[in-house]
C-alpha cells in the first residue's frame, strides 16, 4: 500500500525549529504511551490491536447485513463523536449522492442522521420520509442522557412502536451504549434490543473505529475490515518517537506555528465528500485542545468552492492562520474534457485533460498563492480515498491530536467547557 505523506516545504518552519521542539514531542510520547499523562484513562484507542473485539465486529457485520436486507431507511441517532466519525467515513467513501441512487445500486438503505441538533423542523421533515418504508434505527450514546440524541430517540422510538408494535419494533431498534450502566443499557436489557458497546476507555471523539462508528458504516456498505486494517497499520507506523513519524511531525509543526501567532488552522480539501471528515477533524482538535485559555481554532474550507468566498480573506486577511490541505492523489472517478467545435466558452485549451487534472492545478496554484502571501501551508498527501487509507488517516489525526495536546500543556481527553452551556440550558428549561 502507498503511504500517506506530509509535505511541509511551504510551512515557513525551519528545520532547527523542529529540532528545538522535538524534546517536547518525546515527552508527549512518553506521557501518552506510559499512560502517565492527564486523561490516560481514555487512551484505549491507542493500542488498537488489543482494543478490537473480534466477536463484536462479527456481530456488527451480521447485524448490518440484516439491516441492509430488511430496511429502506436507516437512522443513526447521535451527536458529536457519536455520529461525526460514521458520517465522515460514509460520505468520504460512498457516492456523493448515495441516498439518491436506486436501491439496487446502493445495495442497502438510505441513511439519515438525527439527534445532532434541536431543530423541530429537521426532526419533522425526517419523519415525513418514513411512512411506507421499512425503518431501522440505531441510537448511540454512552450515558443515554445527552439531550439531543435522548430527545430524538424518544420521538423515533415512539414512532417505531406505534408503527410496528412493541414486538416487531424490538427487531428494528439497535442501541450502542455503555457496557454495564446507563439508561440505554437498562432499556436494552429490559426490552431485548440488540446492543453494542461503547468502550469505557475511549472518549466520543476518538471512537470512530469502535461500534459507535462501525455499525452505521457497515450498514452503508463500507468494508470495515479494510478500514480497521488501515488504522492498525497506522498504529504501528505512527508509534515511534522518531522524526520520521509524520503524525508527530504534524503535531510539532502546528505547535511551532501556534507559538508564532498562527491561532487558526484551516483544513482544506478539494473533494466535497470530505466535508464531514473536516467536521470530525474540527471536533477532534477543537474539543481536545481548546481549554485553559489555549488552543488552535480549527476551521475548514472546501476548495475550489470557498476560493470564491473565504479565499480573499485567506489570501489578504490577517496573518494569524495556517492551512493544512488534504490532497487526494488519485480520484475515485475521473473524466476528460471534450473538445467543442464552437468553443463558445473558450475552454478548448483544456480539451483532452481530465477534470481531476484541472482540480490539481487549482490546488497547486492556490497553494503557491497563499504561501507567497505569507500563509504557512502543510499538505497531507493521501494516495487514494478508500477504506484502508481513510482508516490510516483517522489514526494519523487521533495520534497527532493527543501528542499536540500534551505539547500544548492540556489534557487532550476531557471537555470540561462543554458542561457549562448545559448547566444554563437545563436551568432555563427548569430541569
Protein backbone atom coordinates (compact mmCIF):
# COMPACT_ATOMS: atom_id res chain seq x y z
CA UNK A 1 0.00 0.00 0.00
CA UNK A 2 1.21 3.53 -0.80
CA UNK A 3 1.83 5.57 2.30
CA UNK A 4 0.27 8.82 3.41
CA UNK A 5 2.92 11.55 3.34
CA UNK A 6 3.40 15.03 4.83
CA UNK A 7 4.83 17.91 2.80
CA UNK A 8 5.87 20.88 4.94
CA UNK A 9 8.13 22.58 2.41
CA UNK A 10 5.80 25.61 2.41
CA UNK A 11 5.22 25.68 6.16
CA UNK A 12 7.55 28.65 6.80
CA UNK A 13 9.09 26.49 9.54
CA UNK A 14 12.84 25.93 9.63
CA UNK A 15 14.42 22.58 10.42
CA UNK A 16 16.11 23.97 13.53
CA UNK A 17 12.66 24.84 14.90
CA UNK A 18 11.61 21.22 14.55
CA UNK A 19 14.80 20.13 16.28
CA UNK A 20 14.14 22.56 19.14
CA UNK A 21 10.59 21.33 19.76
CA UNK A 22 11.39 17.63 19.45
CA UNK A 23 12.25 17.14 23.15
CA UNK A 24 8.68 18.24 23.91
CA UNK A 25 7.41 15.73 21.36
CA UNK A 26 9.38 12.96 23.06
CA UNK A 27 7.94 13.99 26.44
CA UNK A 28 4.42 13.95 24.99
CA UNK A 29 5.09 10.50 23.53
CA UNK A 30 6.21 9.23 26.93
CA UNK A 31 3.15 10.72 28.68
CA UNK A 32 0.84 9.08 26.16
CA UNK A 33 2.43 5.64 25.88
CA UNK A 34 3.23 5.22 29.55
CA UNK A 35 -0.30 6.36 30.39
CA UNK A 36 1.12 8.85 32.87
CA UNK A 37 -0.41 11.94 31.24
CA UNK A 38 -3.71 13.58 32.09
CA UNK A 39 -6.72 11.75 30.71
CA UNK A 40 -4.83 8.46 30.32
CA UNK A 41 -7.96 6.55 31.35
CA UNK A 42 -9.35 7.44 27.90
CA UNK A 43 -6.49 6.13 25.77
CA UNK A 44 -7.97 2.73 24.94
CA UNK A 45 -7.86 3.69 21.24
CA UNK A 46 -4.05 3.85 21.39
CA UNK A 47 -3.48 0.08 21.44
CA UNK A 48 -5.90 -0.54 18.61
CA UNK A 49 -4.89 -4.17 18.08
CA UNK A 50 -5.95 -5.16 21.59
CA UNK A 51 -8.99 -2.88 21.69
CA UNK A 52 -10.70 -4.57 18.72
CA UNK A 53 -13.25 -7.13 19.90
CA UNK A 54 -13.45 -9.64 17.04
CA UNK A 55 -16.71 -11.12 18.31
CA UNK A 56 -18.26 -7.64 18.42
CA UNK A 57 -17.02 -6.99 14.86
CA UNK A 58 -18.63 -10.25 13.74
CA UNK A 59 -21.94 -9.20 15.34
CA UNK A 60 -21.72 -5.77 13.73
CA UNK A 61 -21.28 -7.25 10.25
CA UNK A 62 -24.07 -9.76 10.82
CA UNK A 63 -26.44 -7.07 12.09
CA UNK A 64 -25.52 -4.67 9.27
CA UNK A 65 -26.24 -7.39 6.72
CA UNK A 66 -29.71 -7.89 8.20
CA UNK A 67 -30.42 -4.15 8.23
CA UNK A 68 -29.27 -3.80 4.62
CA UNK A 69 -31.60 -6.60 3.55
CA UNK A 70 -34.67 -5.57 5.54
CA UNK A 71 -34.65 -1.78 5.70
CA UNK A 72 -35.26 1.05 3.25
CA UNK A 73 -34.11 3.74 5.70
CA UNK A 74 -31.52 3.54 8.49
CA UNK A 75 -31.48 6.34 11.05
CA UNK A 76 -28.39 6.98 13.14
CA UNK A 77 -29.17 8.92 16.33
CA UNK A 78 -26.21 10.62 17.99
CA UNK A 79 -24.32 13.87 18.47
CA UNK A 80 -20.64 14.84 18.44
CA UNK A 81 -18.35 11.83 18.40
CA UNK A 82 -21.38 9.54 18.36
CA UNK A 83 -22.15 10.50 14.77
CA UNK A 84 -19.38 12.56 13.17
CA UNK A 85 -16.95 9.67 12.65
CA UNK A 86 -19.56 7.49 10.98
CA UNK A 87 -20.90 10.29 8.81
CA UNK A 88 -17.38 11.37 7.84
CA UNK A 89 -16.49 7.88 6.61
CA UNK A 90 -19.83 7.17 4.94
CA UNK A 91 -19.68 10.38 2.92
CA UNK A 92 -15.96 10.15 2.15
CA UNK A 93 -16.15 6.61 0.80
CA UNK A 94 -19.54 6.45 -0.90
CA UNK A 95 -21.14 8.04 -3.94
CA UNK A 96 -21.65 11.78 -3.46
CA UNK A 97 -25.39 11.23 -3.97
CA UNK A 98 -25.65 7.90 -2.18
CA UNK A 99 -29.20 8.38 -0.91
CA UNK A 100 -30.43 9.33 -4.39
CA UNK A 101 -29.15 6.16 -6.08
CA UNK A 102 -31.60 3.38 -6.96
CA UNK A 103 -31.77 0.71 -4.28
CA UNK A 104 -30.01 -1.86 -6.46
CA UNK A 105 -27.01 0.45 -6.87
CA UNK A 106 -26.83 1.40 -3.19
CA UNK A 107 -27.22 -2.19 -2.06
CA UNK A 108 -28.63 -1.00 1.25
CA UNK A 109 -30.91 1.55 2.91
CA UNK A 110 -30.83 5.29 2.67
CA UNK A 111 -29.01 6.70 5.68
CA UNK A 112 -30.07 9.72 7.71
CA UNK A 113 -28.71 11.31 10.86
CA UNK A 114 -30.73 12.85 13.67
CA UNK A 115 -30.13 13.73 17.31
CA UNK A 116 -27.31 16.10 16.39
CA UNK A 117 -29.42 19.26 16.72
CA UNK A 118 -32.59 20.54 18.39
CA UNK A 119 -34.39 21.74 15.27
CA UNK A 120 -38.06 20.78 15.29
CA UNK A 121 -38.26 21.35 11.52
CA UNK A 122 -35.37 18.93 10.88
CA UNK A 123 -36.95 16.20 13.02
CA UNK A 124 -40.41 16.58 11.50
CA UNK A 125 -39.03 16.74 7.96
CA UNK A 126 -37.28 13.41 8.56
CA UNK A 127 -40.47 11.88 9.96
CA UNK A 128 -42.19 12.88 6.69
CA UNK A 129 -39.93 10.44 4.80
CA UNK A 130 -40.70 7.33 6.82
CA UNK A 131 -44.26 6.17 6.12
CA UNK A 132 -44.45 3.33 3.62
CA UNK A 133 -40.77 2.49 4.05
CA UNK A 134 -39.10 -0.11 6.26
CA UNK A 135 -37.12 1.56 9.01
CA UNK A 136 -34.25 0.65 11.36
CA UNK A 137 -32.78 2.98 13.98
CA UNK A 138 -29.54 2.97 15.95
CA UNK A 139 -29.17 5.24 18.98
CA UNK A 140 -25.58 5.90 20.04
CA UNK A 141 -24.89 7.41 23.46
CA UNK A 142 -22.63 6.29 26.30
CA UNK A 143 -24.73 7.93 29.01
CA UNK A 144 -28.09 7.89 27.29
CA UNK A 145 -28.91 11.29 28.80
CA UNK A 146 -27.31 13.73 26.33
CA UNK A 147 -30.25 15.94 25.41
CA UNK A 148 -30.13 15.97 21.60
CA UNK A 149 -29.96 12.19 20.98
CA UNK A 150 -32.13 11.37 24.02
CA UNK A 151 -34.94 13.59 22.77
CA UNK A 152 -34.64 12.28 19.20
CA UNK A 153 -34.64 8.67 20.44
CA UNK A 154 -37.78 9.28 22.48
CA UNK A 155 -39.53 10.57 19.34
CA UNK A 156 -38.31 7.90 16.92
CA UNK A 157 -38.72 5.03 19.38
CA UNK A 158 -42.33 6.07 19.86
CA UNK A 159 -42.74 6.17 16.09
CA UNK A 160 -41.30 2.67 15.73
CA UNK A 161 -43.54 1.20 18.46
CA UNK A 162 -46.65 2.85 17.02
CA UNK A 163 -45.72 1.79 13.51
CA UNK A 164 -44.58 -1.79 14.09
CA UNK A 165 -45.91 -2.71 17.51
CA UNK A 166 -43.66 -3.43 20.53
CA UNK A 167 -42.50 -6.90 19.44
CA UNK A 168 -41.56 -6.03 15.87
CA UNK A 169 -40.01 -2.72 16.94
CA UNK A 170 -37.55 -4.66 19.10
CA UNK A 171 -36.13 -6.20 15.91
CA UNK A 172 -35.57 -2.78 14.33
CA UNK A 173 -34.11 -0.75 17.20
CA UNK A 174 -30.39 -1.03 17.91
CA UNK A 175 -28.54 0.50 20.84
CA UNK A 176 -24.84 1.38 21.17
CA UNK A 177 -24.05 2.39 24.73
CA UNK A 178 -22.03 1.71 27.88
CA UNK A 179 -21.24 -1.92 28.64
CA UNK A 180 -22.90 -2.09 32.03
CA UNK A 181 -24.51 1.18 33.12
CA UNK A 182 -26.78 3.99 31.94
CA UNK A 183 -30.42 4.22 30.94
CA UNK A 184 -29.87 2.84 27.44
CA UNK A 185 -28.15 -0.26 28.79
CA UNK A 186 -31.05 -0.79 31.21
CA UNK A 187 -33.55 -0.25 28.38
CA UNK A 188 -31.74 -2.69 26.08
CA UNK A 189 -31.78 -5.35 28.77
CA UNK A 190 -35.42 -4.76 29.66
CA UNK A 191 -36.76 -4.67 26.08
CA UNK A 192 -34.34 -7.10 24.44
CA UNK A 193 -32.88 -4.68 21.90
CA UNK A 194 -29.75 -5.77 20.07
CA UNK A 195 -26.95 -3.73 21.59
CA UNK A 196 -23.29 -2.90 21.09
CA UNK A 197 -20.71 -1.50 23.47
CA UNK A 198 -19.10 1.92 23.67
CA UNK A 199 -15.68 1.14 25.21
CA UNK A 200 -15.27 2.73 28.64
CA UNK A 201 -11.70 3.81 27.95
CA UNK A 202 -12.35 5.60 24.63
CA UNK A 203 -13.91 9.08 24.53
CA UNK A 204 -16.52 10.02 21.97
CA UNK A 205 -14.32 11.98 19.56
CA UNK A 206 -11.81 9.10 19.48
CA UNK A 207 -14.48 6.43 18.95
CA UNK A 208 -14.95 6.35 15.15
CA UNK A 209 -13.25 2.93 14.90
CA UNK A 210 -15.43 1.32 17.60
CA UNK A 211 -19.03 0.07 17.32
CA UNK A 212 -20.03 3.75 17.61
CA UNK A 213 -18.96 4.30 14.01
CA UNK A 214 -18.57 0.81 12.63
CA UNK A 215 -22.24 -0.26 12.66
CA UNK A 216 -23.51 2.71 10.59
CA UNK A 217 -20.51 2.35 8.27
CA UNK A 218 -21.18 -1.36 7.72
CA UNK A 219 -24.86 -0.58 7.01
CA UNK A 220 -23.62 1.85 4.33
CA UNK A 221 -21.66 -0.97 2.69
CA UNK A 222 -18.22 0.10 3.86
CA UNK A 223 -15.66 -2.69 4.28
CA UNK A 224 -14.88 -2.17 7.96
CA UNK A 225 -12.18 -4.86 7.90
CA UNK A 226 -10.14 -2.80 5.42
CA UNK A 227 -10.83 0.36 7.42
CA UNK A 228 -9.54 -1.27 10.60
CA UNK A 229 -6.53 -2.73 8.79
CA UNK A 230 -5.53 0.75 7.65
CA UNK A 231 -5.85 2.01 11.21
CA UNK A 232 -3.87 -0.95 12.55
CA UNK A 233 -1.05 -0.26 10.11
CA UNK A 234 -1.24 3.41 11.09
CA UNK A 235 -1.00 2.50 14.77
CA UNK A 236 2.26 0.69 14.02
CA UNK A 237 3.63 3.31 11.62
CA UNK A 238 2.92 6.22 13.98
CA UNK A 239 4.09 4.52 17.17
CA UNK A 240 7.73 5.70 17.40
CA UNK A 241 9.01 8.99 18.82
CA UNK A 242 11.18 9.43 15.74
CA UNK A 243 11.31 12.43 13.43
CA UNK A 244 10.27 10.00 10.69
CA UNK A 245 6.86 9.78 12.36
CA UNK A 246 4.77 12.15 10.23
CA UNK A 247 1.90 12.16 12.71
CA UNK A 248 4.26 13.55 15.37
CA UNK A 249 5.84 15.93 12.87
CA UNK A 250 2.38 17.34 12.04
CA UNK A 251 1.72 17.84 15.77
CA UNK A 252 5.09 19.56 16.18
CA UNK A 253 4.62 21.85 13.16
CA UNK A 254 1.20 23.08 14.26
CA UNK A 255 2.56 23.88 17.75
CA UNK A 256 5.51 25.78 16.26
CA UNK A 257 3.09 27.81 14.14
CA UNK A 258 0.82 28.39 17.14
CA UNK A 259 3.74 29.89 19.08
CA UNK A 260 4.34 32.20 16.11
CA UNK A 261 0.83 33.63 16.46
CA UNK A 262 -0.95 31.33 13.99
CA UNK A 263 -4.04 30.73 16.13
CA UNK A 264 -6.31 29.38 13.35
CA UNK A 265 -5.78 26.19 11.35
CA UNK A 266 -7.82 25.80 8.20
CA UNK A 267 -8.26 22.24 6.93
CA UNK A 268 -8.69 22.50 3.17
CA UNK A 269 -9.88 19.80 0.80
CA UNK A 270 -10.76 19.70 -2.88
CA UNK A 271 -13.36 16.90 -2.71
CA UNK A 272 -16.87 17.89 -1.50
CA UNK A 273 -17.47 14.48 0.07
CA UNK A 274 -14.74 15.23 2.61
CA UNK A 275 -16.88 17.97 4.20
CA UNK A 276 -17.90 15.80 7.14
CA UNK A 277 -14.39 14.46 7.55
CA UNK A 278 -13.42 18.07 8.21
CA UNK A 279 -16.31 18.33 10.69
CA UNK A 280 -14.97 15.25 12.51
CA UNK A 281 -11.46 16.76 12.47
CA UNK A 282 -12.78 20.04 13.90
CA UNK A 283 -14.40 18.27 16.83
CA UNK A 284 -11.31 16.14 17.44
CA UNK A 285 -8.92 19.08 17.69
CA UNK A 286 -11.29 21.73 18.99
CA UNK A 287 -12.61 19.68 21.89
CA UNK A 288 -9.19 18.20 22.66
CA UNK A 289 -7.08 21.37 22.66
CA UNK A 290 -9.45 24.24 23.39
CA UNK A 291 -9.08 24.61 27.16
CA UNK A 292 -7.13 26.52 29.81
CA UNK A 293 -7.43 29.59 27.51
CA UNK A 294 -5.25 27.80 24.94
CA UNK A 295 -5.76 26.08 21.61
CA UNK A 296 -5.62 26.43 17.84
CA UNK A 297 -9.05 27.26 16.40
CA UNK A 298 -9.91 24.53 13.82
CA UNK A 299 -11.74 25.73 10.73
CA UNK A 300 -12.31 24.19 7.31
CA UNK A 301 -12.93 25.03 3.67
CA UNK A 302 -13.89 23.08 0.58
CA UNK A 303 -11.99 24.32 -2.44
CA UNK A 304 -12.46 25.39 -5.11
CA UNK A 305 -15.93 26.41 -3.86
CA UNK A 306 -14.65 28.51 -0.95
CA UNK A 307 -11.98 30.20 -3.05
CA UNK A 308 -14.91 32.32 -4.25
CA UNK A 309 -15.76 33.36 -0.68
CA UNK A 310 -13.14 32.81 2.02
CA UNK A 311 -10.27 32.74 -0.46
CA UNK A 312 -9.98 36.53 -0.30
CA UNK A 313 -9.61 36.52 3.49
CA UNK A 314 -7.03 33.73 3.43
CA UNK A 315 -5.02 35.50 0.74
CA UNK A 316 -5.12 39.08 2.04
CA UNK A 317 -6.54 38.97 5.56
CA UNK A 318 -4.82 38.81 8.95
CA UNK A 319 -1.72 36.62 9.15
CA UNK A 320 -2.98 34.57 12.11
CA UNK A 321 -3.83 31.43 10.08
CA UNK A 322 -2.15 28.42 8.56
CA UNK A 323 -3.56 25.83 6.17
CA UNK A 324 -3.44 22.06 6.10
CA UNK A 325 -4.61 20.55 2.81
CA UNK A 326 -5.85 17.02 2.29
CA UNK A 327 -4.60 16.15 -1.19
CA UNK A 328 -6.14 13.01 -2.69
CA UNK A 329 -3.59 11.95 -5.29
CA UNK A 330 -5.86 9.59 -7.25
CA UNK A 331 -9.57 10.42 -7.52
CA UNK A 332 -12.21 7.75 -7.13
CA UNK A 333 -13.59 8.70 -10.56
CA UNK A 334 -12.40 10.98 -13.36
CA UNK A 335 -13.42 12.16 -16.82
CA UNK A 336 -11.81 14.05 -19.68
CA UNK A 337 -12.81 17.46 -21.06
CA UNK A 338 -14.06 17.08 -24.63
CA UNK A 339 -13.35 19.46 -27.49
CA UNK A 340 -16.27 21.64 -28.59
CA UNK A 341 -16.33 22.79 -32.21
CA UNK A 342 -17.77 26.24 -31.42
CA UNK A 343 -15.71 26.77 -28.25
CA UNK A 344 -18.11 29.48 -27.09
CA UNK A 345 -16.89 29.15 -23.51
CA UNK A 346 -13.23 29.31 -24.55
CA UNK A 347 -12.38 26.08 -22.77
CA UNK A 348 -10.92 24.11 -25.68
CA UNK A 349 -7.46 24.70 -24.21
CA UNK A 350 -8.50 22.08 -21.64
CA UNK A 351 -9.57 19.50 -24.24
CA UNK A 352 -8.09 16.08 -23.52
CA UNK A 353 -7.24 16.95 -19.94
CA UNK A 354 -9.10 15.39 -17.06
CA UNK A 355 -11.29 17.22 -14.56
CA UNK A 356 -9.02 16.00 -11.77
CA UNK A 357 -6.01 17.43 -13.61
CA UNK A 358 -7.74 20.83 -13.58
CA UNK A 359 -8.60 20.39 -9.90
CA UNK A 360 -4.97 19.58 -9.08
CA UNK A 361 -3.75 22.70 -10.91
CA UNK A 362 -6.25 24.74 -8.90
CA UNK A 363 -4.74 23.20 -5.74
CA UNK A 364 -1.16 23.90 -6.85
CA UNK A 365 -2.00 27.47 -7.86
CA UNK A 366 -3.82 28.15 -4.59
CA UNK A 367 -1.03 26.63 -2.52
CA UNK A 368 1.55 28.85 -4.21
CA UNK A 369 -0.59 31.99 -3.96
CA UNK A 370 -1.29 31.54 -0.26
CA UNK A 371 2.33 30.63 0.51
CA UNK A 372 3.61 33.69 -1.36
CA UNK A 373 1.04 35.72 0.57
CA UNK A 374 2.64 34.63 3.83
CA UNK A 375 0.27 31.81 4.82
CA UNK A 376 2.12 28.70 6.10
CA UNK A 377 0.92 25.57 4.34
CA UNK A 378 1.08 21.88 5.23
CA UNK A 379 -0.01 19.22 2.73
CA UNK A 380 -1.10 15.70 3.65
CA UNK A 381 -0.92 13.53 0.53
CA UNK A 382 -3.30 10.56 0.51
CA UNK A 383 -2.83 8.05 -2.34
CA UNK A 384 -6.50 7.02 -2.52
CA UNK A 385 -9.63 7.81 -0.58
CA UNK A 386 -10.53 4.20 0.14
CA UNK A 387 -11.24 2.27 3.33
CA UNK A 388 -7.61 1.40 4.00
CA UNK A 389 -6.18 4.88 3.64
CA UNK A 390 -9.10 6.52 5.45
CA UNK A 391 -8.58 4.18 8.42
CA UNK A 392 -4.90 5.12 8.48
CA UNK A 393 -5.74 8.84 8.17
CA UNK A 394 -8.14 8.65 11.11
CA UNK A 395 -5.44 7.11 13.27
CA UNK A 396 -2.90 9.67 11.99
CA UNK A 397 -5.04 12.53 13.25
CA UNK A 398 -6.01 10.89 16.54
CA UNK A 399 -2.37 10.25 17.40
CA UNK A 400 -1.32 13.74 16.30
CA UNK A 401 -4.10 15.30 18.35
CA UNK A 402 -3.07 13.51 21.55
CA UNK A 403 0.59 14.45 21.07
CA UNK A 404 -0.27 18.03 20.12
CA UNK A 405 -2.44 18.43 23.21
CA UNK A 406 0.31 17.28 25.54
CA UNK A 407 2.84 19.58 23.81
CA UNK A 408 0.38 22.42 24.36
CA UNK A 409 0.11 21.50 28.04
CA UNK A 410 -3.56 20.50 28.21
CA UNK A 411 -5.48 17.30 28.85
CA UNK A 412 -6.46 16.22 25.31
CA UNK A 413 -9.11 13.78 26.51
CA UNK A 414 -11.56 15.82 28.59
CA UNK A 415 -14.03 18.57 27.71
CA UNK A 416 -14.94 20.49 30.88
CA UNK A 417 -16.17 23.54 28.97
CA UNK A 418 -18.93 21.55 27.26
CA UNK A 419 -20.77 21.22 30.54
CA UNK A 420 -21.15 24.98 31.07
CA UNK A 421 -23.77 25.59 28.40
CA UNK A 422 -25.70 22.54 29.59
CA UNK A 423 -25.98 23.97 33.11
CA UNK A 424 -27.51 27.18 31.76
CA UNK A 425 -29.77 25.36 29.30
CA UNK A 426 -31.15 22.98 31.93
CA UNK A 427 -31.66 25.87 34.35
CA UNK A 428 -33.63 27.77 31.70
CA UNK A 429 -35.63 24.62 30.92
CA UNK A 430 -36.38 24.34 34.67
CA UNK A 431 -34.99 20.81 34.86
